[in-house]
Amino acid sequence: MQPLHVPEALAADVGVWRLDLDLAAPLADADRSVLDAAEGARALCFRRHEDRVRFVATRAALRRLLAARLCCAPRALRFATNPHGKPRLCPSGGWAGEPAIDFNVSHAGSFALIAISRRGAVGVDIERCSPDLDTAGLEPWLLSPLERQLEAGRRPDFFERWVVKEAVFKALGLGIAGRLQQLSVLTPGQADGRRYGLRHARPEWSSVDAWRLDAPPGYAAALARTPACPTKELP
């Protein structure tokens, strides 16, 4: 597990880590030992071994990172999900008080990302840029009206737009269904570096920002954050 570079504006509050996964390896006993019973049962529901490896390794790493910040045992952590499926810490377990920590995970292919924020809600996404995917056929479902009008140099490619939109809606605690075409993603300018331009007509989304993350060759990754309190469920 290795930490990734995050934009300077976030460095004091947000950390992102990448896991390089060996999908052919057996499930690690050390990882399975920190999962709770529900997670262990969920791991067994995956039919493919590589999916079990992704879930177990990522969940175990998340528990260890969170436990180190909360000074508790990794297995003591308890999770719940909001109505759109985003996990959050329950206000009970092996620590004192309400945990003012938000987190998010994503995995694709042989890699996983974990983002943890102590101030504001975060979303992270990584995708493999499959050359076999019919991106032209999917673009009408993904593109906003503004994105259809943009010149090629002002809009990211399909996979980059996809990870940004996923990360944004995960930070907002929302699902993507019915919302992808409501958000436009513009390529970062030279002055902004890694920060994407976001355009939309939803006032409640105005506080969210998104940045490009370093990704392995053949992958795209993005991070989003909103300063909204992570313990408050967003609509």
Protein backbone atom coordinates (compact mmCIF):
# COMPACT_ATOMS: atom_id res chain seq x y z
CA MET A 1 0.00 0.00 0.00
CA GLN A 2 1.44 3.35 -1.03
CA PRO A 3 0.27 6.92 -0.42
CA LEU A 4 -0.55 9.01 -3.49
CA HIS A 5 0.15 12.66 -4.09
CA VAL A 6 -2.88 14.83 -3.33
CA PRO A 7 -3.33 18.49 -4.30
CA GLU A 8 -1.72 20.94 -1.90
CA ALA A 9 -5.14 22.40 -1.06
CA LEU A 10 -6.17 19.01 0.38
CA ALA A 11 -2.91 17.70 1.81
CA ALA A 12 -3.65 18.72 5.42
CA ASP A 13 -7.02 16.95 5.51
CA VAL A 14 -7.14 14.17 2.91
CA GLY A 15 -5.02 11.09 2.32
CA VAL A 16 -5.23 8.68 -0.62
CA TRP A 17 -3.57 5.26 -0.81
CA ARG A 18 -3.19 2.78 -3.66
CA LEU A 19 -3.16 -0.97 -3.24
CA ASP A 20 -1.48 -3.14 -5.89
CA LEU A 21 -3.36 -6.43 -5.78
CA ASP A 22 -2.21 -9.93 -6.68
CA LEU A 23 -5.52 -11.35 -7.87
CA ALA A 24 -4.15 -14.88 -8.15
CA ALA A 25 -2.92 -15.03 -4.56
CA PRO A 26 -4.91 -16.85 -1.87
CA LEU A 27 -6.92 -14.73 0.54
CA ALA A 28 -4.60 -13.53 3.27
CA ASP A 29 -5.48 -14.86 6.72
CA ALA A 30 -4.23 -11.60 8.25
CA ASP A 31 -6.73 -9.66 6.14
CA ARG A 32 -9.65 -11.97 6.82
CA SER A 33 -8.98 -11.83 10.55
CA VAL A 34 -9.80 -8.09 10.76
CA LEU A 35 -13.14 -8.35 8.93
CA ASP A 36 -16.38 -8.77 10.83
CA ALA A 37 -18.79 -11.66 10.25
CA ALA A 38 -20.92 -9.78 7.73
CA GLU A 39 -17.89 -8.86 5.64
CA GLY A 40 -16.61 -12.42 5.76
CA ALA A 41 -19.97 -13.69 4.53
CA ARG A 42 -20.06 -11.05 1.80
CA ALA A 43 -16.62 -12.09 0.57
CA LEU A 44 -17.84 -15.65 0.12
CA CYS A 45 -20.72 -14.44 -2.06
CA PHE A 46 -18.34 -13.40 -4.82
CA ARG A 47 -18.16 -16.17 -7.40
CA ARG A 48 -14.77 -15.18 -8.83
CA HIS A 49 -11.62 -15.47 -6.73
CA GLU A 50 -10.25 -12.15 -7.97
CA ASP A 51 -13.38 -10.35 -6.75
CA ARG A 52 -12.92 -11.89 -3.31
CA VAL A 53 -9.29 -10.74 -3.25
CA ARG A 54 -10.28 -7.18 -4.19
CA PHE A 55 -12.95 -7.00 -1.51
CA VAL A 56 -11.02 -8.62 1.34
CA ALA A 57 -7.73 -6.81 0.73
CA THR A 58 -9.36 -3.41 0.26
CA ARG A 59 -11.68 -3.72 3.25
CA ALA A 60 -8.85 -4.93 5.50
CA ALA A 61 -6.62 -2.03 4.42
CA LEU A 62 -9.45 0.44 5.03
CA ARG A 63 -10.03 -0.93 8.52
CA ARG A 64 -6.34 -0.66 9.38
CA LEU A 65 -6.07 2.92 8.11
CA LEU A 66 -9.20 4.04 9.97
CA ALA A 67 -8.24 2.20 13.16
CA ALA A 68 -4.84 3.90 13.19
CA ARG A 69 -6.57 7.28 13.16
CA LEU A 70 -9.17 6.35 15.76
CA CYS A 71 -6.71 4.45 18.01
CA CYS A 72 -8.80 1.31 18.12
CA ALA A 73 -8.65 -2.28 16.89
CA PRO A 74 -9.46 -2.66 13.16
CA ARG A 75 -12.08 -5.32 13.86
CA ALA A 76 -13.88 -3.02 16.33
CA LEU A 77 -15.05 -0.68 13.57
CA ARG A 78 -18.72 -0.75 12.61
CA PHE A 79 -20.09 0.48 9.30
CA ALA A 80 -23.46 1.54 7.93
CA THR A 81 -24.52 2.81 4.52
CA ASN A 82 -26.60 5.76 3.42
CA PRO A 83 -29.66 5.25 1.16
CA HIS A 84 -27.40 5.36 -1.92
CA GLY A 85 -24.98 2.76 -0.60
CA LYS A 86 -22.08 4.95 0.52
CA PRO A 87 -20.52 3.44 3.67
CA ARG A 88 -19.85 5.47 6.79
CA LEU A 89 -18.60 4.80 10.30
CA CYS A 90 -21.20 4.10 12.96
CA PRO A 91 -20.88 6.25 16.11
CA SER A 92 -19.99 3.22 18.21
CA GLY A 93 -17.06 0.88 18.53
CA GLY A 94 -13.62 0.99 20.04
CA TRP A 95 -13.20 4.77 20.11
CA ALA A 96 -14.64 7.66 22.09
CA GLY A 97 -17.05 10.22 20.62
CA GLU A 98 -18.39 10.77 17.12
CA PRO A 99 -15.79 9.97 14.43
CA ALA A 100 -15.38 13.08 12.25
CA ILE A 101 -13.89 11.01 9.43
CA ASP A 102 -15.21 10.32 5.95
CA PHE A 103 -13.81 7.73 3.58
CA ASN A 104 -14.35 6.11 0.21
CA VAL A 105 -12.87 3.21 -1.75
CA SER A 106 -12.76 2.09 -5.36
CA HIS A 107 -11.12 -0.82 -7.14
CA ALA A 108 -10.64 -1.88 -10.74
CA GLY A 109 -8.43 -4.53 -12.29
CA SER A 110 -5.37 -5.06 -10.11
CA PHE A 111 -5.61 -1.80 -8.17
CA ALA A 112 -7.65 -0.24 -5.38
CA LEU A 113 -7.81 3.29 -3.99
CA ILE A 114 -8.73 4.37 -0.46
CA ALA A 115 -9.42 8.02 0.41
CA ILE A 116 -9.81 9.27 3.99
CA SER A 117 -10.78 12.80 5.01
CA ARG A 118 -10.86 14.35 8.45
CA ARG A 119 -12.64 17.44 7.13
CA GLY A 120 -15.35 17.11 4.51
CA ALA A 121 -16.78 14.22 2.54
CA VAL A 122 -14.70 12.44 -0.12
CA GLY A 123 -15.27 10.30 -3.16
CA VAL A 124 -12.67 8.41 -5.18
CA ASP A 125 -12.84 6.33 -8.33
CA ILE A 126 -10.47 4.29 -10.48
CA GLU A 127 -11.33 2.56 -13.75
CA ARG A 128 -9.44 0.46 -16.25
CA CYS A 129 -9.46 2.10 -19.68
CA SER A 130 -10.58 -0.95 -21.61
CA PRO A 131 -9.95 -0.60 -25.35
CA ASP A 132 -12.77 -3.06 -26.01
CA LEU A 133 -15.45 -0.92 -24.39
CA ASP A 134 -17.89 0.72 -26.80
CA THR A 135 -17.32 4.23 -25.46
CA ALA A 136 -18.98 5.85 -28.48
CA GLY A 137 -22.15 3.93 -27.75
CA LEU A 138 -22.07 4.92 -24.08
CA GLU A 139 -21.27 8.61 -24.52
CA PRO A 140 -24.89 9.67 -25.16
CA TRP A 141 -25.72 8.20 -21.74
CA LEU A 142 -22.75 9.92 -20.05
CA LEU A 143 -22.45 13.32 -21.72
CA SER A 144 -24.27 16.43 -20.56
CA PRO A 145 -25.65 18.87 -23.16
CA LEU A 146 -22.69 21.19 -22.48
CA GLU A 147 -20.14 18.40 -22.90
CA ARG A 148 -21.60 17.56 -26.32
CA GLN A 149 -20.86 21.12 -27.42
CA LEU A 150 -17.30 21.36 -26.07
CA GLU A 151 -14.29 21.15 -28.34
CA ALA A 152 -12.22 18.01 -27.89
CA GLY A 153 -9.40 19.88 -26.10
CA ARG A 154 -11.74 21.21 -23.42
CA ARG A 155 -13.29 17.92 -22.37
CA PRO A 156 -11.54 14.87 -20.92
CA ASP A 157 -11.81 11.51 -22.62
CA PHE A 158 -14.56 9.03 -21.77
CA PHE A 159 -12.81 7.25 -18.89
CA GLU A 160 -11.53 10.45 -17.31
CA ARG A 161 -15.01 11.97 -17.37
CA TRP A 162 -16.41 8.76 -15.95
CA VAL A 163 -14.10 8.63 -12.91
CA VAL A 164 -14.66 12.32 -12.16
CA LYS A 165 -18.43 11.97 -12.20
CA GLU A 166 -18.29 8.81 -10.09
CA ALA A 167 -16.00 10.50 -7.55
CA VAL A 168 -18.19 13.62 -7.38
CA PHE A 169 -21.40 11.74 -6.74
CA LYS A 170 -19.71 9.49 -4.20
CA ALA A 171 -18.46 12.57 -2.33
CA LEU A 172 -22.01 13.94 -2.38
CA GLY A 173 -23.33 10.62 -1.10
CA LEU A 174 -25.47 10.14 -4.20
CA GLY A 175 -25.92 7.46 -6.83
CA ILE A 176 -25.18 8.12 -10.49
CA ALA A 177 -28.55 6.98 -11.85
CA GLY A 178 -30.29 9.87 -13.57
CA ARG A 179 -27.52 12.34 -12.68
CA LEU A 180 -24.63 11.76 -15.10
CA GLN A 181 -25.99 14.16 -17.70
CA GLN A 182 -26.58 16.86 -15.07
CA LEU A 183 -22.83 17.30 -14.48
CA SER A 184 -20.28 18.62 -16.99
CA VAL A 185 -16.55 17.98 -16.56
CA LEU A 186 -13.98 20.31 -18.15
CA THR A 187 -10.28 19.53 -18.59
CA PRO A 188 -8.07 21.17 -15.92
CA GLY A 189 -6.49 24.41 -17.12
CA GLN A 190 -2.79 25.17 -16.83
CA ALA A 191 -3.39 27.44 -13.85
CA ASP A 192 -5.50 24.81 -12.08
CA GLY A 193 -3.11 21.91 -12.57
CA ARG A 194 -5.11 18.82 -11.62
CA ARG A 195 -8.40 20.50 -10.69
CA TYR A 196 -11.31 19.87 -13.04
CA GLY A 197 -13.86 22.45 -14.02
CA LEU A 198 -17.34 21.34 -12.96
CA ARG A 199 -20.55 22.81 -14.38
CA HIS A 200 -24.09 22.05 -13.24
CA ALA A 201 -27.34 23.74 -12.28
CA ARG A 202 -27.74 22.20 -8.82
CA PRO A 203 -27.06 24.67 -5.95
CA GLU A 204 -26.57 21.81 -3.48
CA TRP A 205 -23.61 20.56 -5.55
CA SER A 206 -21.82 23.91 -5.62
CA SER A 207 -19.29 23.07 -2.90
CA VAL A 208 -17.84 19.94 -4.51
CA ASP A 209 -14.46 19.98 -6.31
CA ALA A 210 -12.61 17.26 -8.22
CA TRP A 211 -8.95 16.55 -9.00
CA ARG A 212 -7.02 14.19 -11.24
CA LEU A 213 -5.10 11.46 -9.42
CA ASP A 214 -2.01 9.65 -10.63
CA ALA A 215 -3.05 6.28 -12.06
CA PRO A 216 -1.17 3.26 -13.40
CA PRO A 217 -0.83 3.02 -17.20
CA GLY A 218 -4.15 2.04 -18.74
CA TYR A 219 -6.20 3.40 -15.82
CA ALA A 220 -7.89 6.69 -14.90
CA ALA A 221 -8.52 7.96 -11.37
CA ALA A 222 -10.07 10.99 -9.69
CA LEU A 223 -10.73 12.40 -6.22
CA ALA A 224 -13.61 14.66 -5.16
CA ARG A 225 -14.33 16.46 -1.92
CA THR A 226 -17.08 18.60 -0.47
CA PRO A 227 -16.60 20.55 2.79
CA ALA A 228 -20.01 19.40 4.02
CA CYS A 229 -19.87 17.60 7.35
CA PRO A 230 -19.32 13.87 6.62
CA THR A 231 -21.58 12.80 9.49
CA LYS A 232 -24.55 14.66 7.96
CA GLU A 233 -26.45 12.67 5.36
CA LEU A 234 -26.76 14.61 2.14
CA PRO A 235 -29.95 14.48 0.05
